[in-house]
Amino acid sequence: MPRALQYLSVSYRVLLWLYPADLRDAYGQDMANVFDQQLWTAWVNRGTRGVAVAGCRAINELFTIAIPRRLMSDRAIAAALSLIITSGVLALLVGIMMWPRYRFR
């Protein structure tokens, strides 16, 4: 395997960290092996252009599978709800504090 494909393979294995742990533990090794096969097939059949397409597909998976699944975790949802509620309470308090100033002008 050419050195460039080895670098891409190692990079993909590092990017598997973005997938949720349960998915990564169950399928991470298989996903890495399939990506290696896709890279090699793309290299043999289409050269650099084929490798670029395979890389783009892998990046697309990050945005359509890995990151959305990670954001759907209970911790991410709790943090987002906490931020929204805290911001709302802060905005309400600021509005209440500012209200008398504008009412008497």
PDB file of N, CA and C in Angstrom:
ATOM      1  N   MET A   1       0.856  -1.176   0.000  1.00  0.00           N
ATOM      2  CA  MET A   1       0.000   0.000   0.000  1.00  0.00           C
ATOM      3  C   MET A   1       0.902   1.239   0.000  1.00  0.00           C
ATOM      4  N   PRO A   2       0.649   2.183  -0.887  1.00  0.00           N
ATOM      5  CA  PRO A   2       1.457   3.413  -0.921  1.00  0.00           C
ATOM      6  C   PRO A   2       1.370   4.177   0.403  1.00  0.00           C
ATOM      7  N   ARG A   3       2.417   4.914   0.696  1.00  0.00           N
ATOM      8  CA  ARG A   3       2.504   5.646   1.968  1.00  0.00           C
ATOM      9  C   ARG A   3       1.338   6.623   2.148  1.00  0.00           C
ATOM     10  N   ALA A   4       0.904   7.282   1.096  1.00  0.00           N
ATOM     11  CA  ALA A   4      -0.217   8.228   1.197  1.00  0.00           C
ATOM     12  C   ALA A   4      -1.483   7.515   1.655  1.00  0.00           C
ATOM     13  N   LEU A   5      -1.715   6.303   1.131  1.00  0.00           N
ATOM     14  CA  LEU A   5      -2.895   5.548   1.556  1.00  0.00           C
ATOM     15  C   LEU A   5      -2.756   5.106   3.007  1.00  0.00           C
ATOM     16  N   GLN A   6      -1.550   4.801   3.443  1.00  0.00           N
ATOM     17  CA  GLN A   6      -1.338   4.444   4.844  1.00  0.00           C
ATOM     18  C   GLN A   6      -1.655   5.631   5.761  1.00  0.00           C
ATOM     19  N   TYR A   7      -1.243   6.820   5.343  1.00  0.00           N
ATOM     20  CA  TYR A   7      -1.559   8.025   6.128  1.00  0.00           C
ATOM     21  C   TYR A   7      -3.067   8.245   6.204  1.00  0.00           C
ATOM     22  N   LEU A   8      -3.749   8.058   5.096  1.00  0.00           N
ATOM     23  CA  LEU A   8      -5.204   8.214   5.094  1.00  0.00           C
ATOM     24  C   LEU A   8      -5.867   7.170   5.993  1.00  0.00           C
ATOM     25  N   SER A   9      -5.355   5.957   5.958  1.00  0.00           N
ATOM     26  CA  SER A   9      -5.902   4.893   6.790  1.00  0.00           C
ATOM     27  C   SER A   9      -5.731   5.218   8.274  1.00  0.00           C
ATOM     28  N   VAL A  10      -4.551   5.677   8.653  1.00  0.00           N
ATOM     29  CA  VAL A  10      -4.298   6.053  10.054  1.00  0.00           C
ATOM     30  C   VAL A  10      -5.175   7.243  10.445  1.00  0.00           C
ATOM     31  N   SER A  11      -5.317   8.204   9.559  1.00  0.00           N
ATOM     32  CA  SER A  11      -6.171   9.369   9.828  1.00  0.00           C
ATOM     33  C   SER A  11      -7.615   8.946  10.057  1.00  0.00           C
ATOM     34  N   TYR A  12      -8.094   8.004   9.250  1.00  0.00           N
ATOM     35  CA  TYR A  12      -9.464   7.522   9.413  1.00  0.00           C
ATOM     36  C   TYR A  12      -9.625   6.845  10.770  1.00  0.00           C
ATOM     37  N   ARG A  13      -8.645   6.066  11.163  1.00  0.00           N
ATOM     38  CA  ARG A  13      -8.721   5.387  12.465  1.00  0.00           C
ATOM     39  C   ARG A  13      -8.753   6.402  13.606  1.00  0.00           C
ATOM     40  N   VAL A  14      -8.033   7.493  13.451  1.00  0.00           N
ATOM     41  CA  VAL A  14      -8.072   8.552  14.467  1.00  0.00           C
ATOM     42  C   VAL A  14      -9.452   9.218  14.477  1.00  0.00           C
ATOM     43  N   LEU A  15     -10.006   9.462  13.304  1.00  0.00           N
ATOM     44  CA  LEU A  15     -11.317  10.119  13.214  1.00  0.00           C
ATOM     45  C   LEU A  15     -12.456   9.238  13.732  1.00  0.00           C
ATOM     46  N   LEU A  16     -12.207   7.946  13.860  1.00  0.00           N
ATOM     47  CA  LEU A  16     -13.235   7.069  14.437  1.00  0.00           C
ATOM     48  C   LEU A  16     -13.559   7.481  15.869  1.00  0.00           C
ATOM     49  N   TRP A  17     -12.668   8.256  16.501  1.00  0.00           N
ATOM     50  CA  TRP A  17     -12.933   8.744  17.845  1.00  0.00           C
ATOM     51  C   TRP A  17     -14.192   9.611  17.891  1.00  0.00           C
ATOM     52  N   LEU A  18     -14.531  10.249  16.782  1.00  0.00           N
ATOM     53  CA  LEU A  18     -15.709  11.117  16.745  1.00  0.00           C
ATOM     54  C   LEU A  18     -17.015  10.336  16.819  1.00  0.00           C
ATOM     55  N   TYR A  19     -16.959   9.043  16.504  1.00  0.00           N
ATOM     56  CA  TYR A  19     -18.158   8.219  16.592  1.00  0.00           C
ATOM     57  C   TYR A  19     -18.453   7.917  18.059  1.00  0.00           C
ATOM     58  N   PRO A  20     -19.716   7.720  18.413  1.00  0.00           N
ATOM     59  CA  PRO A  20     -20.042   7.356  19.797  1.00  0.00           C
ATOM     60  C   PRO A  20     -19.338   6.053  20.188  1.00  0.00           C
ATOM     61  N   ALA A  21     -19.023   5.925  21.453  1.00  0.00           N
ATOM     62  CA  ALA A  21     -18.235   4.786  21.935  1.00  0.00           C
ATOM     63  C   ALA A  21     -18.892   3.449  21.630  1.00  0.00           C
ATOM     64  N   ASP A  22     -20.222   3.365  21.800  1.00  0.00           N
ATOM     65  CA  ASP A  22     -20.884   2.071  21.555  1.00  0.00           C
ATOM     66  C   ASP A  22     -20.763   1.655  20.088  1.00  0.00           C
ATOM     67  N   LEU A  23     -20.938   2.590  19.197  1.00  0.00           N
ATOM     68  CA  LEU A  23     -20.817   2.300  17.764  1.00  0.00           C
ATOM     69  C   LEU A  23     -19.368   1.986  17.398  1.00  0.00           C
ATOM     70  N   ARG A  24     -18.455   2.765  17.943  1.00  0.00           N
ATOM     71  CA  ARG A  24     -17.033   2.566  17.657  1.00  0.00           C
ATOM     72  C   ARG A  24     -16.546   1.223  18.186  1.00  0.00           C
ATOM     73  N   ASP A  25     -16.978   0.859  19.390  1.00  0.00           N
ATOM     74  CA  ASP A  25     -16.550  -0.421  19.969  1.00  0.00           C
ATOM     75  C   ASP A  25     -17.099  -1.602  19.183  1.00  0.00           C
ATOM     76  N   ALA A  26     -18.349  -1.494  18.742  1.00  0.00           N
ATOM     77  CA  ALA A  26     -18.970  -2.608  18.032  1.00  0.00           C
ATOM     78  C   ALA A  26     -18.474  -2.742  16.594  1.00  0.00           C
ATOM     79  N   TYR A  27     -18.255  -1.611  15.914  1.00  0.00           N
ATOM     80  CA  TYR A  27     -17.980  -1.665  14.472  1.00  0.00           C
ATOM     81  C   TYR A  27     -16.702  -0.957  14.036  1.00  0.00           C
ATOM     82  N   GLY A  28     -15.953  -0.376  14.958  1.00  0.00           N
ATOM     83  CA  GLY A  28     -14.793   0.436  14.593  1.00  0.00           C
ATOM     84  C   GLY A  28     -13.755  -0.301  13.761  1.00  0.00           C
ATOM     85  N   GLN A  29     -13.386  -1.497  14.184  1.00  0.00           N
ATOM     86  CA  GLN A  29     -12.379  -2.258  13.449  1.00  0.00           C
ATOM     87  C   GLN A  29     -12.882  -2.629  12.060  1.00  0.00           C
ATOM     88  N   ASP A  30     -14.149  -3.044  11.982  1.00  0.00           N
ATOM     89  CA  ASP A  30     -14.725  -3.383  10.674  1.00  0.00           C
ATOM     90  C   ASP A  30     -14.788  -2.154   9.766  1.00  0.00           C
ATOM     91  N   MET A  31     -15.162  -1.008  10.335  1.00  0.00           N
ATOM     92  CA  MET A  31     -15.232   0.222   9.542  1.00  0.00           C
ATOM     93  C   MET A  31     -13.852   0.590   8.992  1.00  0.00           C
ATOM     94  N   ALA A  32     -12.829   0.448   9.835  1.00  0.00           N
ATOM     95  CA  ALA A  32     -11.470   0.770   9.393  1.00  0.00           C
ATOM     96  C   ALA A  32     -11.021  -0.189   8.287  1.00  0.00           C
ATOM     97  N   ASN A  33     -11.341  -1.463   8.435  1.00  0.00           N
ATOM     98  CA  ASN A  33     -10.964  -2.439   7.407  1.00  0.00           C
ATOM     99  C   ASN A  33     -11.672  -2.164   6.086  1.00  0.00           C
ATOM    100  N   VAL A  34     -12.958  -1.837   6.149  1.00  0.00           N
ATOM    101  CA  VAL A  34     -13.711  -1.523   4.931  1.00  0.00           C
ATOM    102  C   VAL A  34     -13.140  -0.270   4.272  1.00  0.00           C
ATOM    103  N   PHE A  35     -12.790   0.732   5.080  1.00  0.00           N
ATOM    104  CA  PHE A  35     -12.202   1.947   4.511  1.00  0.00           C
ATOM    105  C   PHE A  35     -10.887   1.637   3.812  1.00  0.00           C
ATOM    106  N   ASP A  36     -10.065   0.791   4.420  1.00  0.00           N
ATOM    107  CA  ASP A  36      -8.809   0.389   3.775  1.00  0.00           C
ATOM    108  C   ASP A  36      -9.072  -0.288   2.432  1.00  0.00           C
ATOM    109  N   GLN A  37     -10.070  -1.156   2.400  1.00  0.00           N
ATOM    110  CA  GLN A  37     -10.417  -1.837   1.146  1.00  0.00           C
ATOM    111  C   GLN A  37     -10.925  -0.846   0.109  1.00  0.00           C
ATOM    112  N   GLN A  38     -11.743   0.096   0.546  1.00  0.00           N
ATOM    113  CA  GLN A  38     -12.245   1.106  -0.384  1.00  0.00           C
ATOM    114  C   GLN A  38     -11.105   1.959  -0.936  1.00  0.00           C
ATOM    115  N   LEU A  39     -10.173   2.339  -0.077  1.00  0.00           N
ATOM    116  CA  LEU A  39      -9.022   3.119  -0.538  1.00  0.00           C
ATOM    117  C   LEU A  39      -8.214   2.355  -1.577  1.00  0.00           C
ATOM    118  N   TRP A  40      -7.927   1.088  -1.286  1.00  0.00           N
ATOM    119  CA  TRP A  40      -7.115   0.303  -2.205  1.00  0.00           C
ATOM    120  C   TRP A  40      -7.823   0.104  -3.536  1.00  0.00           C
ATOM    121  N   THR A  41      -9.120  -0.212  -3.491  1.00  0.00           N
ATOM    122  CA  THR A  41      -9.894  -0.400  -4.723  1.00  0.00           C
ATOM    123  C   THR A  41      -9.947   0.898  -5.522  1.00  0.00           C
ATOM    124  N   ALA A  42     -10.167   2.017  -4.830  1.00  0.00           N
ATOM    125  CA  ALA A  42     -10.209   3.315  -5.516  1.00  0.00           C
ATOM    126  C   ALA A  42      -8.858   3.629  -6.146  1.00  0.00           C
ATOM    127  N   TRP A  43      -7.768   3.332  -5.456  1.00  0.00           N
ATOM    128  CA  TRP A  43      -6.425   3.596  -5.966  1.00  0.00           C
ATOM    129  C   TRP A  43      -6.142   2.763  -7.214  1.00  0.00           C
ATOM    130  N   VAL A  44      -6.502   1.491  -7.159  1.00  0.00           N
ATOM    131  CA  VAL A  44      -6.238   0.599  -8.289  1.00  0.00           C
ATOM    132  C   VAL A  44      -7.091   0.970  -9.496  1.00  0.00           C
ATOM    133  N   ASN A  45      -8.355   1.278  -9.257  1.00  0.00           N
ATOM    134  CA  ASN A  45      -9.282   1.522 -10.371  1.00  0.00           C
ATOM    135  C   ASN A  45      -9.252   2.947 -10.911  1.00  0.00           C
ATOM    136  N   ARG A  46      -9.117   3.941 -10.032  1.00  0.00           N
ATOM    137  CA  ARG A  46      -9.250   5.332 -10.485  1.00  0.00           C
ATOM    138  C   ARG A  46      -8.110   6.241 -10.083  1.00  0.00           C
ATOM    139  N   GLY A  47      -7.146   5.728  -9.343  1.00  0.00           N
ATOM    140  CA  GLY A  47      -5.995   6.538  -8.956  1.00  0.00           C
ATOM    141  C   GLY A  47      -6.341   7.577  -7.902  1.00  0.00           C
ATOM    142  N   THR A  48      -5.666   8.701  -8.006  1.00  0.00           N
ATOM    143  CA  THR A  48      -5.818   9.769  -7.017  1.00  0.00           C
ATOM    144  C   THR A  48      -7.250  10.281  -6.926  1.00  0.00           C
ATOM    145  N   ARG A  49      -7.899  10.386  -8.059  1.00  0.00           N
ATOM    146  CA  ARG A  49      -9.285  10.873  -8.068  1.00  0.00           C
ATOM    147  C   ARG A  49     -10.206   9.921  -7.295  1.00  0.00           C
ATOM    148  N   GLY A  50     -10.011   8.638  -7.475  1.00  0.00           N
ATOM    149  CA  GLY A  50     -10.808   7.654  -6.744  1.00  0.00           C
ATOM    150  C   GLY A  50     -10.563   7.709  -5.251  1.00  0.00           C
ATOM    151  N   VAL A  51      -9.315   7.916  -4.858  1.00  0.00           N
ATOM    152  CA  VAL A  51      -8.985   8.041  -3.440  1.00  0.00           C
ATOM    153  C   VAL A  51      -9.645   9.295  -2.859  1.00  0.00           C
ATOM    154  N   ALA A  52      -9.655  10.379  -3.614  1.00  0.00           N
ATOM    155  CA  ALA A  52     -10.300  11.606  -3.159  1.00  0.00           C
ATOM    156  C   ALA A  52     -11.798  11.388  -2.939  1.00  0.00           C
ATOM    157  N   VAL A  53     -12.429  10.648  -3.840  1.00  0.00           N
ATOM    158  CA  VAL A  53     -13.862  10.356  -3.693  1.00  0.00           C
ATOM    159  C   VAL A  53     -14.101   9.511  -2.445  1.00  0.00           C
ATOM    160  N   ALA A  54     -13.270   8.508  -2.230  1.00  0.00           N
ATOM    161  CA  ALA A  54     -13.419   7.665  -1.035  1.00  0.00           C
ATOM    162  C   ALA A  54     -13.222   8.493   0.239  1.00  0.00           C
ATOM    163  N   GLY A  55     -12.268   9.403   0.212  1.00  0.00           N
ATOM    164  CA  GLY A  55     -12.049  10.278   1.369  1.00  0.00           C
ATOM    165  C   GLY A  55     -13.228  11.196   1.622  1.00  0.00           C
ATOM    166  N   CYS A  56     -13.804  11.725   0.558  1.00  0.00           N
ATOM    167  CA  CYS A  56     -14.983  12.595   0.704  1.00  0.00           C
ATOM    168  C   CYS A  56     -16.168  11.834   1.285  1.00  0.00           C
ATOM    169  N   ARG A  57     -16.315  10.591   0.882  1.00  0.00           N
ATOM    170  CA  ARG A  57     -17.404   9.770   1.451  1.00  0.00           C
ATOM    171  C   ARG A  57     -17.196   9.566   2.947  1.00  0.00           C
ATOM    172  N   ALA A  58     -15.953   9.330   3.341  1.00  0.00           N
ATOM    173  CA  ALA A  58     -15.653   9.140   4.766  1.00  0.00           C
ATOM    174  C   ALA A  58     -15.939  10.413   5.552  1.00  0.00           C
ATOM    175  N   ILE A  59     -15.568  11.552   5.010  1.00  0.00           N
ATOM    176  CA  ILE A  59     -15.840  12.831   5.682  1.00  0.00           C
ATOM    177  C   ILE A  59     -17.345  13.076   5.755  1.00  0.00           C
ATOM    178  N   ASN A  60     -18.068  12.719   4.692  1.00  0.00           N
ATOM    179  CA  ASN A  60     -19.521  12.854   4.691  1.00  0.00           C
ATOM    180  C   ASN A  60     -20.140  12.024   5.812  1.00  0.00           C
ATOM    181  N   GLU A  61     -19.611  10.826   6.045  1.00  0.00           N
ATOM    182  CA  GLU A  61     -20.105   9.986   7.138  1.00  0.00           C
ATOM    183  C   GLU A  61     -19.935  10.662   8.490  1.00  0.00           C
ATOM    184  N   LEU A  62     -18.862  11.404   8.646  1.00  0.00           N
ATOM    185  CA  LEU A  62     -18.653  12.099   9.915  1.00  0.00           C
ATOM    186  C   LEU A  62     -19.791  13.075  10.193  1.00  0.00           C
ATOM    187  N   PHE A  63     -20.205  13.801   9.154  1.00  0.00           N
ATOM    188  CA  PHE A  63     -21.244  14.813   9.329  1.00  0.00           C
ATOM    189  C   PHE A  63     -22.652  14.249   9.315  1.00  0.00           C
ATOM    190  N   THR A  64     -22.844  13.057   8.761  1.00  0.00           N
ATOM    191  CA  THR A  64     -24.189  12.493   8.706  1.00  0.00           C
ATOM    192  C   THR A  64     -24.444  11.416   9.749  1.00  0.00           C
ATOM    193  N   ILE A  65     -23.376  10.798  10.270  1.00  0.00           N
ATOM    194  CA  ILE A  65     -23.553   9.721  11.238  1.00  0.00           C
ATOM    195  C   ILE A  65     -22.865  10.029  12.564  1.00  0.00           C
ATOM    196  N   ALA A  66     -21.570  10.265  12.527  1.00  0.00           N
ATOM    197  CA  ALA A  66     -20.787  10.369  13.765  1.00  0.00           C
ATOM    198  C   ALA A  66     -21.198  11.551  14.633  1.00  0.00           C
ATOM    199  N   ILE A  67     -21.161  12.728  14.077  1.00  0.00           N
ATOM    200  CA  ILE A  67     -21.439  13.925  14.878  1.00  0.00           C
ATOM    201  C   ILE A  67     -22.904  13.987  15.324  1.00  0.00           C
ATOM    202  N   PRO A  68     -23.885  13.710  14.431  1.00  0.00           N
ATOM    203  CA  PRO A  68     -25.272  13.704  14.923  1.00  0.00           C
ATOM    204  C   PRO A  68     -25.525  12.665  16.016  1.00  0.00           C
ATOM    205  N   ARG A  69     -24.929  11.474  15.897  1.00  0.00           N
ATOM    206  CA  ARG A  69     -25.112  10.458  16.936  1.00  0.00           C
ATOM    207  C   ARG A  69     -24.485  10.902  18.246  1.00  0.00           C
ATOM    208  N   ARG A  70     -23.355  11.564  18.163  1.00  0.00           N
ATOM    209  CA  ARG A  70     -22.701  12.045  19.381  1.00  0.00           C
ATOM    210  C   ARG A  70     -23.534  13.155  20.022  1.00  0.00           C
ATOM    211  N   LEU A  71     -24.149  14.004  19.211  1.00  0.00           N
ATOM    212  CA  LEU A  71     -24.971  15.096  19.748  1.00  0.00           C
ATOM    213  C   LEU A  71     -26.276  14.603  20.337  1.00  0.00           C
ATOM    214  N   MET A  72     -26.701  13.398  19.968  1.00  0.00           N
ATOM    215  CA  MET A  72     -27.947  12.856  20.501  1.00  0.00           C
ATOM    216  C   MET A  72     -27.745  12.168  21.846  1.00  0.00           C
ATOM    217  N   SER A  73     -26.549  12.212  22.407  1.00  0.00           N
ATOM    218  CA  SER A  73     -26.303  11.580  23.699  1.00  0.00           C
ATOM    219  C   SER A  73     -27.019  12.361  24.797  1.00  0.00           C
ATOM    220  N   ASP A  74     -27.282  11.702  25.898  1.00  0.00           N
ATOM    221  CA  ASP A  74     -27.984  12.334  27.013  1.00  0.00           C
ATOM    222  C   ASP A  74     -27.191  13.516  27.575  1.00  0.00           C
ATOM    223  N   ARG A  75     -25.876  13.386  27.628  1.00  0.00           N
ATOM    224  CA  ARG A  75     -25.059  14.476  28.164  1.00  0.00           C
ATOM    225  C   ARG A  75     -25.140  15.713  27.284  1.00  0.00           C
ATOM    226  N   ALA A  76     -25.116  15.533  25.972  1.00  0.00           N
ATOM    227  CA  ALA A  76     -25.178  16.683  25.059  1.00  0.00           C
ATOM    228  C   ALA A  76     -26.547  17.354  25.139  1.00  0.00           C
ATOM    229  N   ILE A  77     -27.586  16.565  25.220  1.00  0.00           N
ATOM    230  CA  ILE A  77     -28.941  17.115  25.308  1.00  0.00           C
ATOM    231  C   ILE A  77     -29.109  17.871  26.629  1.00  0.00           C
ATOM    232  N   ALA A  78     -28.612  17.297  27.724  1.00  0.00           N
ATOM    233  CA  ALA A  78     -28.716  17.963  29.023  1.00  0.00           C
ATOM    234  C   ALA A  78     -27.947  19.280  29.026  1.00  0.00           C
ATOM    235  N   ALA A  79     -26.763  19.283  28.438  1.00  0.00           N
ATOM    236  CA  ALA A  79     -25.978  20.523  28.390  1.00  0.00           C
ATOM    237  C   ALA A  79     -26.681  21.584  27.549  1.00  0.00           C
ATOM    238  N   ALA A  80     -27.257  21.187  26.419  1.00  0.00           N
ATOM    239  CA  ALA A  80     -27.959  22.147  25.560  1.00  0.00           C
ATOM    240  C   ALA A  80     -29.191  22.712  26.263  1.00  0.00           C
ATOM    241  N   LEU A  81     -29.958  21.848  26.927  1.00  0.00           N
ATOM    242  CA  LEU A  81     -31.140  22.321  27.657  1.00  0.00           C
ATOM    243  C   LEU A  81     -30.740  23.252  28.799  1.00  0.00           C
ATOM    244  N   SER A  82     -29.671  22.917  29.488  1.00  0.00           N
ATOM    245  CA  SER A  82     -29.184  23.773  30.572  1.00  0.00           C
ATOM    246  C   SER A  82     -28.793  25.148  30.042  1.00  0.00           C
ATOM    247  N   LEU A  83     -28.104  25.184  28.915  1.00  0.00           N
ATOM    248  CA  LEU A  83     -27.708  26.463  28.311  1.00  0.00           C
ATOM    249  C   LEU A  83     -28.935  27.281  27.915  1.00  0.00           C
ATOM    250  N   ILE A  84     -29.919  26.641  27.314  1.00  0.00           N
ATOM    251  CA  ILE A  84     -31.132  27.351  26.884  1.00  0.00           C
ATOM    252  C   ILE A  84     -31.897  27.899  28.083  1.00  0.00           C
ATOM    253  N   ILE A  85     -32.071  27.072  29.113  1.00  0.00           N
ATOM    254  CA  ILE A  85     -32.829  27.510  30.287  1.00  0.00           C
ATOM    255  C   ILE A  85     -32.092  28.629  31.015  1.00  0.00           C
ATOM    256  N   THR A  86     -30.786  28.488  31.202  1.00  0.00           N
ATOM    257  CA  THR A  86     -29.999  29.518  31.874  1.00  0.00           C
ATOM    258  C   THR A  86     -30.033  30.828  31.101  1.00  0.00           C
ATOM    259  N   SER A  87     -29.918  30.751  29.788  1.00  0.00           N
ATOM    260  CA  SER A  87     -29.979  31.964  28.963  1.00  0.00           C
ATOM    261  C   SER A  87     -31.338  32.626  29.072  1.00  0.00           C
ATOM    262  N   GLY A  88     -32.387  31.828  29.084  1.00  0.00           N
ATOM    263  CA  GLY A  88     -33.738  32.377  29.214  1.00  0.00           C
ATOM    264  C   GLY A  88     -33.951  33.062  30.551  1.00  0.00           C
ATOM    265  N   VAL A  89     -33.481  32.444  31.627  1.00  0.00           N
ATOM    266  CA  VAL A  89     -33.621  33.042  32.955  1.00  0.00           C
ATOM    267  C   VAL A  89     -32.810  34.335  33.036  1.00  0.00           C
ATOM    268  N   LEU A  90     -31.597  34.320  32.497  1.00  0.00           N
ATOM    269  CA  LEU A  90     -30.770  35.526  32.497  1.00  0.00           C
ATOM    270  C   LEU A  90     -31.441  36.649  31.701  1.00  0.00           C
ATOM    271  N   ALA A  91     -31.980  36.334  30.529  1.00  0.00           N
ATOM    272  CA  ALA A  91     -32.666  37.343  29.720  1.00  0.00           C
ATOM    273  C   ALA A  91     -33.881  37.891  30.460  1.00  0.00           C
ATOM    274  N   LEU A  92     -34.613  37.036  31.144  1.00  0.00           N
ATOM    275  CA  LEU A  92     -35.768  37.470  31.919  1.00  0.00           C
ATOM    276  C   LEU A  92     -35.347  38.414  33.044  1.00  0.00           C
ATOM    277  N   LEU A  93     -34.294  38.071  33.770  1.00  0.00           N
ATOM    278  CA  LEU A  93     -33.823  38.921  34.859  1.00  0.00           C
ATOM    279  C   LEU A  93     -33.345  40.274  34.352  1.00  0.00           C
ATOM    280  N   VAL A  94     -32.615  40.268  33.254  1.00  0.00           N
ATOM    281  CA  VAL A  94     -32.156  41.538  32.671  1.00  0.00           C
ATOM    282  C   VAL A  94     -33.363  42.362  32.224  1.00  0.00           C
ATOM    283  N   GLY A  95     -34.344  41.722  31.622  1.00  0.00           N
ATOM    284  CA  GLY A  95     -35.560  42.426  31.204  1.00  0.00           C
ATOM    285  C   GLY A  95     -36.308  43.027  32.377  1.00  0.00           C
ATOM    286  N   ILE A  96     -36.398  42.287  33.472  1.00  0.00           N
ATOM    287  CA  ILE A  96     -37.077  42.798  34.664  1.00  0.00           C
ATOM    288  C   ILE A  96     -36.304  43.976  35.253  1.00  0.00           C
ATOM    289  N   MET A  97     -34.987  43.874  35.281  1.00  0.00           N
ATOM    290  CA  MET A  97     -34.183  44.965  35.834  1.00  0.00           C
ATOM    291  C   MET A  97     -34.255  46.211  34.957  1.00  0.00           C
ATOM    292  N   MET A  98     -34.373  46.064  33.668  1.00  0.00           N
ATOM    293  CA  MET A  98     -34.406  47.197  32.754  1.00  0.00           C
ATOM    294  C   MET A  98     -35.810  47.775  32.596  1.00  0.00           C
ATOM    295  N   TRP A  99     -36.832  47.055  32.913  1.00  0.00           N
ATOM    296  CA  TRP A  99     -38.206  47.462  32.671  1.00  0.00           C
ATOM    297  C   TRP A  99     -38.588  48.782  33.333  1.00  0.00           C
ATOM    298  N   PRO A 100     -38.291  49.010  34.609  1.00  0.00           N
ATOM    299  CA  PRO A 100     -38.694  50.294  35.236  1.00  0.00           C
ATOM    300  C   PRO A 100     -38.064  51.508  34.565  1.00  0.00           C
ATOM    301  N   ARG A 101     -36.863  51.391  34.060  1.00  0.00           N
ATOM    302  CA  ARG A 101     -36.208  52.523  33.408  1.00  0.00           C
ATOM    303  C   ARG A 101     -37.004  52.987  32.200  1.00  0.00           C
ATOM    304  N   TYR A 102     -37.473  52.066  31.417  1.00  0.00           N
ATOM    305  CA  TYR A 102     -38.152  52.439  30.183  1.00  0.00           C
ATOM    306  C   TYR A 102     -39.616  52.802  30.431  1.00  0.00           C
ATOM    307  N   ARG A 103     -40.197  52.336  31.514  1.00  0.00           N
ATOM    308  CA  ARG A 103     -41.587  52.602  31.791  1.00  0.00           C
ATOM    309  C   ARG A 103     -41.824  54.044  32.224  1.00  0.00           C
ATOM    310  N   PHE A 104     -40.878  54.660  32.905  1.00  0.00           N
ATOM    311  CA  PHE A 104     -41.075  55.989  33.450  1.00  0.00           C
ATOM    312  C   PHE A 104     -40.489  57.088  32.573  1.00  0.00           C
ATOM    313  N   ARG A 105     -40.015  56.804  31.430  1.00  0.00           N
ATOM    314  CA  ARG A 105     -39.450  57.838  30.565  1.00  0.00           C
ATOM    315  C   ARG A 105     -40.487  58.521  29.776  1.00  0.00           C
TER     316      ARG A 105
END
